[in-house]
Amino acid sequence: MFADLNTASPTLKAELASDGEAHGVRFADVAVLAPVPRSGVRTPLMTSGPGAEQARDLLAASGAVVEAIPGDAGDAAARKLLRSVFMKGLATTVIESLEGARAAGCEDWLRGQIIAELSGDAGALIDRLESGSRQHAGRRAHEVADAGDYLAALGKPHWVADAAGQWFAELLSAKEAESPESRPTP
């Protein structure tokens, strides 16, 4: 059995599993779901593929926290990459916001705002962010455009603000396409 703990695309993991199978080797796609220095051997792992259960059992014997999911090699990698969109996106959002706040002289205030938002009911926050963004996409597109302009005036990058604006424009377009006024009459 070969357990691959590298970050790679689901397609590459599936190819590696196929190569392993051709040589009589069971392959386990193992996704590392958090920073190892934070939890060491207790870092959460997820396995998939033909060797998922075997890898789970071997890793769990050393004290690791491992979830084996049904499916093919690449399924654990896919989930890790989706999680990475969130975690790395959140990190860059915090960095961009704090860079601007430092330049504007209000870093402590913004840190408090971020802490307050992330300290409450996380499930409610997720629901509010998703539904509120869909509902208020037009207004939010204008707001992040202004935020991007302000960051530029401060001499700071505004890549996250620009990307958020693209998302809101897409959400607004989808909302307008769904409205009864945009549908042809029978």
N, C-alpha and C. Protein backbone atom coordinates (compact mmCIF):
# COMPACT_ATOMS: atom_id res chain seq x y z
N MET A 1 0.85 -1.17 0.00
CA MET A 1 0.00 0.00 0.00
C MET A 1 0.89 1.23 0.00
N PHE A 2 0.50 2.23 -0.79
CA PHE A 2 1.21 3.48 -0.85
C PHE A 2 0.24 4.58 -0.44
N ALA A 3 0.59 5.34 0.58
CA ALA A 3 -0.24 6.45 1.04
C ALA A 3 0.42 7.76 0.62
N ASP A 4 -0.28 8.54 -0.18
CA ASP A 4 0.25 9.80 -0.67
C ASP A 4 -0.37 10.95 0.11
N LEU A 5 0.46 11.65 0.91
CA LEU A 5 0.00 12.77 1.72
C LEU A 5 0.29 14.12 1.08
N ASN A 6 0.74 14.11 -0.17
CA ASN A 6 1.03 15.36 -0.87
C ASN A 6 -0.26 16.05 -1.29
N THR A 7 -0.19 17.36 -1.42
CA THR A 7 -1.30 18.11 -2.00
C THR A 7 -1.16 18.02 -3.51
N ALA A 8 -2.21 17.54 -4.15
CA ALA A 8 -2.22 17.42 -5.61
C ALA A 8 -3.66 17.41 -6.08
N SER A 9 -3.83 17.53 -7.37
CA SER A 9 -5.18 17.55 -7.93
C SER A 9 -5.83 16.18 -7.81
N PRO A 10 -7.14 16.15 -7.77
CA PRO A 10 -7.85 14.86 -7.76
C PRO A 10 -7.47 14.00 -8.97
N THR A 11 -7.25 14.63 -10.11
CA THR A 11 -6.88 13.89 -11.32
C THR A 11 -5.54 13.19 -11.15
N LEU A 12 -4.56 13.89 -10.61
CA LEU A 12 -3.25 13.27 -10.39
C LEU A 12 -3.35 12.12 -9.39
N LYS A 13 -4.13 12.31 -8.32
CA LYS A 13 -4.29 11.23 -7.34
C LYS A 13 -4.91 10.00 -8.00
N ALA A 14 -5.90 10.20 -8.87
CA ALA A 14 -6.53 9.07 -9.57
C ALA A 14 -5.53 8.38 -10.50
N GLU A 15 -4.68 9.16 -11.15
CA GLU A 15 -3.64 8.58 -12.03
C GLU A 15 -2.65 7.76 -11.21
N LEU A 16 -2.26 8.27 -10.06
CA LEU A 16 -1.33 7.53 -9.20
C LEU A 16 -1.96 6.23 -8.71
N ALA A 17 -3.24 6.27 -8.39
CA ALA A 17 -3.93 5.05 -7.96
C ALA A 17 -3.97 4.04 -9.09
N SER A 18 -4.21 4.52 -10.30
CA SER A 18 -4.24 3.62 -11.46
C SER A 18 -2.87 3.00 -11.70
N ASP A 19 -1.81 3.81 -11.59
CA ASP A 19 -0.45 3.28 -11.74
C ASP A 19 -0.15 2.26 -10.66
N GLY A 20 -0.57 2.55 -9.44
CA GLY A 20 -0.36 1.61 -8.34
C GLY A 20 -1.08 0.30 -8.59
N GLU A 21 -2.33 0.39 -9.03
CA GLU A 21 -3.11 -0.81 -9.32
C GLU A 21 -2.43 -1.66 -10.39
N ALA A 22 -1.87 -1.01 -11.41
CA ALA A 22 -1.18 -1.73 -12.48
C ALA A 22 0.03 -2.50 -11.97
N HIS A 23 0.57 -2.08 -10.82
CA HIS A 23 1.74 -2.74 -10.24
C HIS A 23 1.40 -3.51 -8.96
N GLY A 24 0.11 -3.71 -8.72
CA GLY A 24 -0.31 -4.46 -7.55
C GLY A 24 -0.17 -3.72 -6.23
N VAL A 25 -0.19 -2.40 -6.27
CA VAL A 25 -0.03 -1.59 -5.06
C VAL A 25 -1.34 -0.85 -4.79
N ARG A 26 -1.87 -1.04 -3.58
CA ARG A 26 -3.08 -0.30 -3.18
C ARG A 26 -2.68 1.13 -2.87
N PHE A 27 -3.44 2.07 -3.37
CA PHE A 27 -3.13 3.49 -3.22
C PHE A 27 -4.12 4.14 -2.27
N ALA A 28 -3.61 4.98 -1.38
CA ALA A 28 -4.47 5.77 -0.50
C ALA A 28 -4.16 7.25 -0.72
N ASP A 29 -5.18 7.97 -1.09
CA ASP A 29 -5.11 9.42 -1.18
C ASP A 29 -5.34 9.94 0.24
N VAL A 30 -4.34 10.62 0.81
CA VAL A 30 -4.46 11.13 2.17
C VAL A 30 -4.36 12.65 2.12
N ALA A 31 -5.43 13.30 2.55
CA ALA A 31 -5.46 14.76 2.60
C ALA A 31 -5.15 15.22 4.02
N VAL A 32 -4.22 16.14 4.14
CA VAL A 32 -3.86 16.74 5.43
C VAL A 32 -4.71 18.01 5.55
N LEU A 33 -5.59 18.04 6.55
CA LEU A 33 -6.63 19.07 6.60
C LEU A 33 -6.34 20.26 7.52
N ALA A 34 -5.15 20.36 8.05
CA ALA A 34 -4.80 21.50 8.90
C ALA A 34 -3.28 21.58 8.97
N PRO A 35 -2.75 22.68 9.48
CA PRO A 35 -1.30 22.80 9.60
C PRO A 35 -0.74 21.79 10.60
N VAL A 36 0.27 21.04 10.20
CA VAL A 36 0.86 20.02 11.05
C VAL A 36 1.53 20.61 12.29
N PRO A 37 2.25 21.75 12.20
CA PRO A 37 2.89 22.28 13.41
C PRO A 37 1.89 22.58 14.54
N ARG A 38 0.65 22.87 14.20
CA ARG A 38 -0.35 23.21 15.22
C ARG A 38 -0.74 21.99 16.06
N SER A 39 -0.92 20.82 15.42
CA SER A 39 -1.44 19.64 16.15
C SER A 39 -0.55 18.42 16.04
N GLY A 40 0.53 18.50 15.29
CA GLY A 40 1.42 17.35 15.17
C GLY A 40 0.70 16.12 14.66
N VAL A 41 0.92 14.99 15.33
CA VAL A 41 0.33 13.71 14.90
C VAL A 41 -1.19 13.74 14.96
N ARG A 42 -1.77 14.67 15.70
CA ARG A 42 -3.24 14.77 15.84
C ARG A 42 -3.86 15.64 14.73
N THR A 43 -3.06 16.06 13.76
CA THR A 43 -3.58 16.84 12.64
C THR A 43 -4.63 16.01 11.90
N PRO A 44 -5.81 16.56 11.65
CA PRO A 44 -6.85 15.78 10.97
C PRO A 44 -6.44 15.39 9.56
N LEU A 45 -6.71 14.13 9.24
CA LEU A 45 -6.42 13.57 7.92
C LEU A 45 -7.69 12.96 7.35
N MET A 46 -7.76 12.89 6.03
CA MET A 46 -8.87 12.22 5.35
C MET A 46 -8.28 11.33 4.26
N THR A 47 -8.80 10.11 4.16
CA THR A 47 -8.30 9.18 3.16
C THR A 47 -9.41 8.76 2.21
N SER A 48 -9.02 8.45 0.99
CA SER A 48 -9.95 7.87 0.01
C SER A 48 -9.15 6.96 -0.91
N GLY A 49 -9.87 6.21 -1.71
CA GLY A 49 -9.21 5.31 -2.65
C GLY A 49 -9.14 3.89 -2.15
N PRO A 50 -8.54 3.01 -2.94
CA PRO A 50 -8.52 1.59 -2.61
C PRO A 50 -7.81 1.25 -1.29
N GLY A 51 -6.85 2.05 -0.89
CA GLY A 51 -6.14 1.78 0.37
C GLY A 51 -6.59 2.67 1.52
N ALA A 52 -7.76 3.30 1.40
CA ALA A 52 -8.21 4.28 2.40
C ALA A 52 -8.31 3.69 3.80
N GLU A 53 -8.99 2.56 3.93
CA GLU A 53 -9.19 1.99 5.26
C GLU A 53 -7.87 1.49 5.85
N GLN A 54 -7.04 0.87 5.02
CA GLN A 54 -5.75 0.39 5.49
C GLN A 54 -4.88 1.55 5.95
N ALA A 55 -4.85 2.63 5.20
CA ALA A 55 -4.07 3.81 5.59
C ALA A 55 -4.65 4.41 6.87
N ARG A 56 -5.97 4.49 6.95
CA ARG A 56 -6.60 5.01 8.17
C ARG A 56 -6.16 4.22 9.38
N ASP A 57 -6.22 2.89 9.28
CA ASP A 57 -5.87 2.04 10.42
C ASP A 57 -4.40 2.20 10.81
N LEU A 58 -3.51 2.26 9.83
CA LEU A 58 -2.08 2.41 10.12
C LEU A 58 -1.79 3.77 10.75
N LEU A 59 -2.38 4.83 10.20
CA LEU A 59 -2.14 6.16 10.72
C LEU A 59 -2.79 6.36 12.09
N ALA A 60 -3.98 5.81 12.27
CA ALA A 60 -4.68 5.94 13.56
C ALA A 60 -3.91 5.22 14.66
N ALA A 61 -3.21 4.16 14.33
CA ALA A 61 -2.43 3.43 15.33
C ALA A 61 -1.33 4.30 15.93
N SER A 62 -0.92 5.34 15.20
CA SER A 62 0.11 6.24 15.72
C SER A 62 -0.50 7.44 16.44
N GLY A 63 -1.83 7.46 16.55
CA GLY A 63 -2.50 8.55 17.25
C GLY A 63 -3.11 9.58 16.33
N ALA A 64 -3.00 9.39 15.03
CA ALA A 64 -3.56 10.36 14.08
C ALA A 64 -5.09 10.29 14.09
N VAL A 65 -5.70 11.43 13.77
CA VAL A 65 -7.15 11.52 13.63
C VAL A 65 -7.44 11.40 12.14
N VAL A 66 -8.02 10.26 11.74
CA VAL A 66 -8.17 9.97 10.31
C VAL A 66 -9.60 9.57 9.99
N GLU A 67 -10.16 10.19 8.97
CA GLU A 67 -11.47 9.82 8.45
C GLU A 67 -11.28 9.19 7.08
N ALA A 68 -11.76 7.96 6.91
CA ALA A 68 -11.74 7.32 5.60
C ALA A 68 -13.11 7.55 4.97
N ILE A 69 -13.12 8.13 3.77
CA ILE A 69 -14.38 8.38 3.09
C ILE A 69 -14.53 7.41 1.94
N PRO A 70 -15.77 7.06 1.61
CA PRO A 70 -15.96 6.20 0.45
C PRO A 70 -15.62 6.97 -0.82
N GLY A 71 -15.23 6.23 -1.82
CA GLY A 71 -14.95 6.87 -3.10
C GLY A 71 -13.57 6.54 -3.60
N ASP A 72 -13.22 7.24 -4.64
CA ASP A 72 -11.99 6.98 -5.37
C ASP A 72 -10.82 7.80 -4.83
N ALA A 73 -9.62 7.38 -5.22
CA ALA A 73 -8.46 8.22 -4.96
C ALA A 73 -8.71 9.54 -5.67
N GLY A 74 -8.45 10.61 -4.98
CA GLY A 74 -8.73 11.94 -5.50
C GLY A 74 -9.90 12.60 -4.79
N ASP A 75 -10.77 11.79 -4.19
CA ASP A 75 -11.92 12.37 -3.48
C ASP A 75 -11.48 13.12 -2.22
N ALA A 76 -10.50 12.58 -1.50
CA ALA A 76 -9.98 13.30 -0.33
C ALA A 76 -9.25 14.56 -0.77
N ALA A 77 -8.47 14.46 -1.84
CA ALA A 77 -7.75 15.63 -2.37
C ALA A 77 -8.74 16.71 -2.80
N ALA A 78 -9.84 16.31 -3.41
CA ALA A 78 -10.85 17.27 -3.86
C ALA A 78 -11.42 18.05 -2.67
N ARG A 79 -11.72 17.34 -1.61
CA ARG A 79 -12.27 18.01 -0.42
C ARG A 79 -11.24 18.95 0.19
N LYS A 80 -9.99 18.52 0.23
CA LYS A 80 -8.94 19.37 0.80
C LYS A 80 -8.80 20.64 -0.03
N LEU A 81 -8.85 20.52 -1.35
CA LEU A 81 -8.69 21.69 -2.20
C LEU A 81 -9.87 22.65 -2.05
N LEU A 82 -11.07 22.11 -1.89
CA LEU A 82 -12.23 22.97 -1.64
C LEU A 82 -12.08 23.70 -0.31
N ARG A 83 -11.57 22.99 0.69
CA ARG A 83 -11.30 23.62 1.99
C ARG A 83 -10.23 24.69 1.83
N SER A 84 -9.25 24.45 0.96
CA SER A 84 -8.19 25.41 0.72
C SER A 84 -8.71 26.71 0.11
N VAL A 85 -9.73 26.60 -0.74
CA VAL A 85 -10.33 27.82 -1.29
C VAL A 85 -10.79 28.71 -0.14
N PHE A 86 -11.45 28.10 0.84
CA PHE A 86 -11.92 28.85 2.00
C PHE A 86 -10.76 29.36 2.85
N MET A 87 -9.89 28.46 3.29
CA MET A 87 -8.84 28.83 4.24
C MET A 87 -7.86 29.83 3.63
N LYS A 88 -7.41 29.57 2.42
CA LYS A 88 -6.44 30.48 1.80
C LYS A 88 -7.13 31.77 1.39
N GLY A 89 -8.39 31.68 0.97
CA GLY A 89 -9.14 32.89 0.65
C GLY A 89 -9.37 33.74 1.89
N LEU A 90 -9.69 33.10 3.01
CA LEU A 90 -9.87 33.83 4.26
C LEU A 90 -8.55 34.50 4.67
N ALA A 91 -7.46 33.76 4.54
CA ALA A 91 -6.15 34.32 4.90
C ALA A 91 -5.84 35.56 4.08
N THR A 92 -6.06 35.50 2.77
CA THR A 92 -5.75 36.66 1.94
C THR A 92 -6.72 37.80 2.18
N THR A 93 -7.96 37.49 2.54
CA THR A 93 -8.91 38.54 2.90
C THR A 93 -8.45 39.27 4.16
N VAL A 94 -8.01 38.51 5.15
CA VAL A 94 -7.50 39.12 6.38
C VAL A 94 -6.26 39.96 6.09
N ILE A 95 -5.34 39.42 5.30
CA ILE A 95 -4.11 40.15 4.99
C ILE A 95 -4.43 41.46 4.27
N GLU A 96 -5.28 41.40 3.24
CA GLU A 96 -5.60 42.60 2.48
C GLU A 96 -6.29 43.64 3.36
N SER A 97 -7.21 43.18 4.19
CA SER A 97 -7.93 44.10 5.07
C SER A 97 -6.99 44.76 6.07
N LEU A 98 -6.12 43.96 6.70
CA LEU A 98 -5.20 44.50 7.70
C LEU A 98 -4.14 45.41 7.08
N GLU A 99 -3.69 45.09 5.88
CA GLU A 99 -2.74 45.98 5.20
C GLU A 99 -3.36 47.36 5.01
N GLY A 100 -4.62 47.37 4.57
CA GLY A 100 -5.31 48.64 4.40
C GLY A 100 -5.53 49.35 5.73
N ALA A 101 -5.92 48.58 6.75
CA ALA A 101 -6.17 49.18 8.07
C ALA A 101 -4.89 49.77 8.66
N ARG A 102 -3.75 49.10 8.46
CA ARG A 102 -2.48 49.65 8.95
C ARG A 102 -2.19 50.99 8.26
N ALA A 103 -2.40 51.01 6.94
CA ALA A 103 -2.13 52.24 6.19
C ALA A 103 -3.09 53.36 6.61
N ALA A 104 -4.30 53.00 7.02
CA ALA A 104 -5.30 53.99 7.43
C ALA A 104 -5.22 54.32 8.92
N GLY A 105 -4.35 53.61 9.65
CA GLY A 105 -4.18 53.89 11.07
C GLY A 105 -5.27 53.33 11.97
N CYS A 106 -5.92 52.24 11.53
CA CYS A 106 -7.00 51.67 12.36
C CYS A 106 -6.92 50.14 12.44
N GLU A 107 -5.70 49.63 12.50
CA GLU A 107 -5.52 48.17 12.54
C GLU A 107 -6.18 47.54 13.76
N ASP A 108 -6.00 48.11 14.93
CA ASP A 108 -6.58 47.52 16.14
C ASP A 108 -8.10 47.45 16.03
N TRP A 109 -8.71 48.52 15.53
CA TRP A 109 -10.17 48.53 15.36
C TRP A 109 -10.61 47.42 14.42
N LEU A 110 -9.94 47.28 13.27
CA LEU A 110 -10.34 46.26 12.30
C LEU A 110 -10.11 44.86 12.87
N ARG A 111 -9.02 44.66 13.58
CA ARG A 111 -8.80 43.34 14.22
C ARG A 111 -9.97 43.01 15.14
N GLY A 112 -10.43 43.96 15.90
CA GLY A 112 -11.58 43.74 16.78
C GLY A 112 -12.83 43.39 15.99
N GLN A 113 -13.04 44.04 14.85
CA GLN A 113 -14.19 43.74 13.99
C GLN A 113 -14.11 42.31 13.46
N ILE A 114 -12.93 41.91 13.00
CA ILE A 114 -12.75 40.55 12.47
C ILE A 114 -12.99 39.53 13.58
N ILE A 115 -12.41 39.76 14.73
CA ILE A 115 -12.59 38.83 15.86
C ILE A 115 -14.06 38.71 16.23
N ALA A 116 -14.77 39.83 16.28
CA ALA A 116 -16.19 39.80 16.64
C ALA A 116 -16.99 38.99 15.62
N GLU A 117 -16.70 39.16 14.35
CA GLU A 117 -17.44 38.42 13.31
C GLU A 117 -17.17 36.92 13.40
N LEU A 118 -15.91 36.55 13.66
CA LEU A 118 -15.54 35.14 13.68
C LEU A 118 -15.81 34.46 15.01
N SER A 119 -16.17 35.21 16.05
CA SER A 119 -16.37 34.64 17.38
C SER A 119 -17.80 34.22 17.67
N GLY A 120 -18.72 34.57 16.83
CA GLY A 120 -20.12 34.26 17.09
C GLY A 120 -20.52 32.89 16.57
N ASP A 121 -21.77 32.77 16.22
CA ASP A 121 -22.34 31.53 15.69
C ASP A 121 -21.85 31.34 14.25
N ALA A 122 -20.88 30.46 14.07
CA ALA A 122 -20.26 30.27 12.75
C ALA A 122 -21.26 29.81 11.70
N GLY A 123 -22.18 28.92 12.08
CA GLY A 123 -23.19 28.45 11.13
C GLY A 123 -24.08 29.58 10.66
N ALA A 124 -24.50 30.44 11.58
CA ALA A 124 -25.34 31.58 11.21
C ALA A 124 -24.56 32.56 10.33
N LEU A 125 -23.27 32.73 10.63
CA LEU A 125 -22.44 33.63 9.81
C LEU A 125 -22.35 33.11 8.38
N ILE A 126 -22.11 31.83 8.22
CA ILE A 126 -22.02 31.24 6.88
C ILE A 126 -23.33 31.45 6.13
N ASP A 127 -24.45 31.14 6.79
CA ASP A 127 -25.75 31.31 6.15
C ASP A 127 -25.99 32.77 5.76
N ARG A 128 -25.65 33.69 6.67
CA ARG A 128 -25.85 35.11 6.40
C ARG A 128 -24.96 35.59 5.25
N LEU A 129 -23.71 35.14 5.22
CA LEU A 129 -22.81 35.55 4.15
C LEU A 129 -23.31 35.06 2.79
N GLU A 130 -23.74 33.81 2.76
CA GLU A 130 -24.20 33.28 1.47
C GLU A 130 -25.52 33.89 1.03
N SER A 131 -26.53 33.85 1.89
CA SER A 131 -27.85 34.36 1.48
C SER A 131 -27.84 35.88 1.33
N GLY A 132 -27.16 36.57 2.22
CA GLY A 132 -27.09 38.03 2.12
C GLY A 132 -26.36 38.49 0.88
N SER A 133 -25.31 37.77 0.50
CA SER A 133 -24.57 38.13 -0.70
C SER A 133 -25.41 37.94 -1.95
N ARG A 134 -26.19 36.88 -1.98
CA ARG A 134 -27.08 36.66 -3.13
C ARG A 134 -28.18 37.72 -3.17
N GLN A 135 -28.74 38.04 -2.02
CA GLN A 135 -29.84 38.98 -1.95
C GLN A 135 -29.38 40.42 -2.25
N HIS A 136 -28.21 40.80 -1.77
CA HIS A 136 -27.76 42.19 -1.87
C HIS A 136 -26.54 42.34 -2.78
N ALA A 137 -26.44 41.50 -3.80
CA ALA A 137 -25.25 41.47 -4.66
C ALA A 137 -24.97 42.83 -5.31
N GLY A 138 -25.99 43.52 -5.79
CA GLY A 138 -25.78 44.79 -6.47
C GLY A 138 -25.15 45.83 -5.55
N ARG A 139 -25.72 45.99 -4.37
CA ARG A 139 -25.19 46.95 -3.41
C ARG A 139 -23.78 46.57 -2.97
N ARG A 140 -23.58 45.28 -2.74
CA ARG A 140 -22.26 44.84 -2.28
C ARG A 140 -21.20 44.99 -3.38
N ALA A 141 -21.59 44.84 -4.64
CA ALA A 141 -20.63 45.05 -5.73
C ALA A 141 -20.12 46.48 -5.71
N HIS A 142 -21.01 47.43 -5.50
CA HIS A 142 -20.60 48.84 -5.43
C HIS A 142 -19.71 49.09 -4.21
N GLU A 143 -20.07 48.46 -3.08
CA GLU A 143 -19.30 48.67 -1.85
C GLU A 143 -17.88 48.15 -1.98
N VAL A 144 -17.71 46.96 -2.56
CA VAL A 144 -16.34 46.43 -2.68
C VAL A 144 -15.56 47.17 -3.76
N ALA A 145 -16.25 47.74 -4.75
CA ALA A 145 -15.55 48.59 -5.73
C ALA A 145 -15.00 49.82 -5.02
N ASP A 146 -15.81 50.42 -4.15
CA ASP A 146 -15.34 51.57 -3.37
C ASP A 146 -14.20 51.15 -2.44
N ALA A 147 -14.32 49.98 -1.83
CA ALA A 147 -13.26 49.48 -0.95
C ALA A 147 -11.97 49.29 -1.74
N GLY A 148 -12.06 48.71 -2.93
CA GLY A 148 -10.88 48.53 -3.77
C GLY A 148 -10.25 49.86 -4.15
N ASP A 149 -11.10 50.85 -4.48
CA ASP A 149 -10.59 52.18 -4.80
C ASP A 149 -9.88 52.79 -3.60
N TYR A 150 -10.44 52.60 -2.39
CA TYR A 150 -9.82 53.15 -1.19
C TYR A 150 -8.47 52.47 -0.92
N LEU A 151 -8.42 51.15 -1.06
CA LEU A 151 -7.15 50.45 -0.88
C LEU A 151 -6.11 50.96 -1.88
N ALA A 152 -6.53 51.19 -3.11
CA ALA A 152 -5.61 51.71 -4.12
C ALA A 152 -5.11 53.10 -3.71
N ALA A 153 -6.01 53.94 -3.19
CA ALA A 153 -5.62 55.27 -2.74
C ALA A 153 -4.63 55.20 -1.58
N LEU A 154 -4.76 54.14 -0.76
CA LEU A 154 -3.82 53.93 0.34
C LEU A 154 -2.51 53.32 -0.14
N GLY A 155 -2.44 52.98 -1.44
CA GLY A 155 -1.24 52.35 -1.99
C GLY A 155 -1.13 50.87 -1.66
N LYS A 156 -2.26 50.23 -1.40
CA LYS A 156 -2.28 48.83 -1.00
C LYS A 156 -2.97 47.97 -2.07
N PRO A 157 -2.60 46.68 -2.14
CA PRO A 157 -3.25 45.78 -3.10
C PRO A 157 -4.74 45.65 -2.80
N HIS A 158 -5.51 45.37 -3.84
CA HIS A 158 -6.96 45.22 -3.70
C HIS A 158 -7.47 44.03 -4.51
N TRP A 159 -6.66 42.99 -4.57
CA TRP A 159 -7.01 41.82 -5.36
C TRP A 159 -8.25 41.11 -4.81
N VAL A 160 -8.35 40.98 -3.50
CA VAL A 160 -9.50 40.30 -2.90
C VAL A 160 -10.76 41.13 -3.13
N ALA A 161 -10.66 42.44 -2.93
CA ALA A 161 -11.82 43.30 -3.16
C ALA A 161 -12.26 43.21 -4.62
N ASP A 162 -11.30 43.18 -5.54
CA ASP A 162 -11.65 43.06 -6.96
C ASP A 162 -12.33 41.73 -7.25
N ALA A 163 -11.80 40.65 -6.68
CA ALA A 163 -12.41 39.33 -6.88
C ALA A 163 -13.80 39.27 -6.28
N ALA A 164 -13.99 39.90 -5.11
CA ALA A 164 -15.32 39.94 -4.50
C ALA A 164 -16.28 40.67 -5.42
N GLY A 165 -15.82 41.75 -6.03
CA GLY A 165 -16.66 42.48 -6.97
C GLY A 165 -17.08 41.63 -8.15
N GLN A 166 -16.16 40.81 -8.64
CA GLN A 166 -16.51 39.89 -9.74
C GLN A 166 -17.57 38.90 -9.28
N TRP A 167 -17.42 38.38 -8.06
CA TRP A 167 -18.42 37.44 -7.53
C TRP A 167 -19.79 38.10 -7.43
N PHE A 168 -19.81 39.32 -6.87
CA PHE A 168 -21.10 40.00 -6.70
C PHE A 168 -21.73 40.31 -8.05
N ALA A 169 -20.94 40.68 -9.05
CA ALA A 169 -21.48 40.92 -10.38
C ALA A 169 -22.10 39.65 -10.95
N GLU A 170 -21.43 38.53 -10.73
CA GLU A 170 -21.96 37.24 -11.21
C GLU A 170 -23.25 36.87 -10.47
N LEU A 171 -23.26 37.07 -9.15
CA LEU A 171 -24.47 36.78 -8.37
C LEU A 171 -25.63 37.68 -8.81
N LEU A 172 -25.34 38.95 -9.07
CA LEU A 172 -26.38 39.87 -9.52
C LEU A 172 -26.92 39.45 -10.88
N SER A 173 -26.03 39.06 -11.77
CA SER A 173 -26.45 38.59 -13.09
C SER A 173 -27.34 37.37 -12.99
N ALA A 174 -26.97 36.42 -12.13
CA ALA A 174 -27.79 35.21 -11.94
C ALA A 174 -29.14 35.57 -11.33
N LYS A 175 -29.15 36.50 -10.39
CA LYS A 175 -30.40 36.93 -9.75
C LYS A 175 -31.32 37.58 -10.78
N GLU A 176 -30.76 38.43 -11.61
CA GLU A 176 -31.55 39.09 -12.64
C GLU A 176 -32.09 38.09 -13.66
N ALA A 177 -31.32 37.07 -13.98
CA ALA A 177 -31.77 36.05 -14.93
C ALA A 177 -32.92 35.23 -14.37
N GLU A 178 -32.98 35.10 -13.05
CA GLU A 178 -34.05 34.33 -12.40
C GLU A 178 -35.31 35.14 -12.15
N SER A 179 -35.23 36.48 -12.23
CA SER A 179 -36.38 37.31 -11.90
C SER A 179 -37.49 37.11 -12.91
N PRO A 180 -38.75 37.21 -12.47
CA PRO A 180 -39.89 37.01 -13.38
C PRO A 180 -39.88 37.98 -14.54
N GLU A 181 -39.36 39.20 -14.36
CA GLU A 181 -39.34 40.17 -15.43
C GLU A 181 -38.43 39.74 -16.59
N SER A 182 -37.42 38.91 -16.28
CA SER A 182 -36.47 38.52 -17.32
C SER A 182 -36.91 37.27 -18.06
N ARG A 183 -37.97 36.63 -17.59
CA ARG A 183 -38.43 35.41 -18.27
C ARG A 183 -39.39 35.76 -19.40
N PRO A 184 -39.27 35.05 -20.52
CA PRO A 184 -40.20 35.31 -21.61
C PRO A 184 -41.62 34.89 -21.22
N THR A 185 -42.58 35.63 -21.69
CA THR A 185 -43.98 35.27 -21.40
C THR A 185 -44.42 34.16 -22.33
N PRO A 186 -45.25 33.23 -21.80
CA PRO A 186 -45.69 32.09 -22.64
C PRO A 186 -46.64 32.50 -23.74
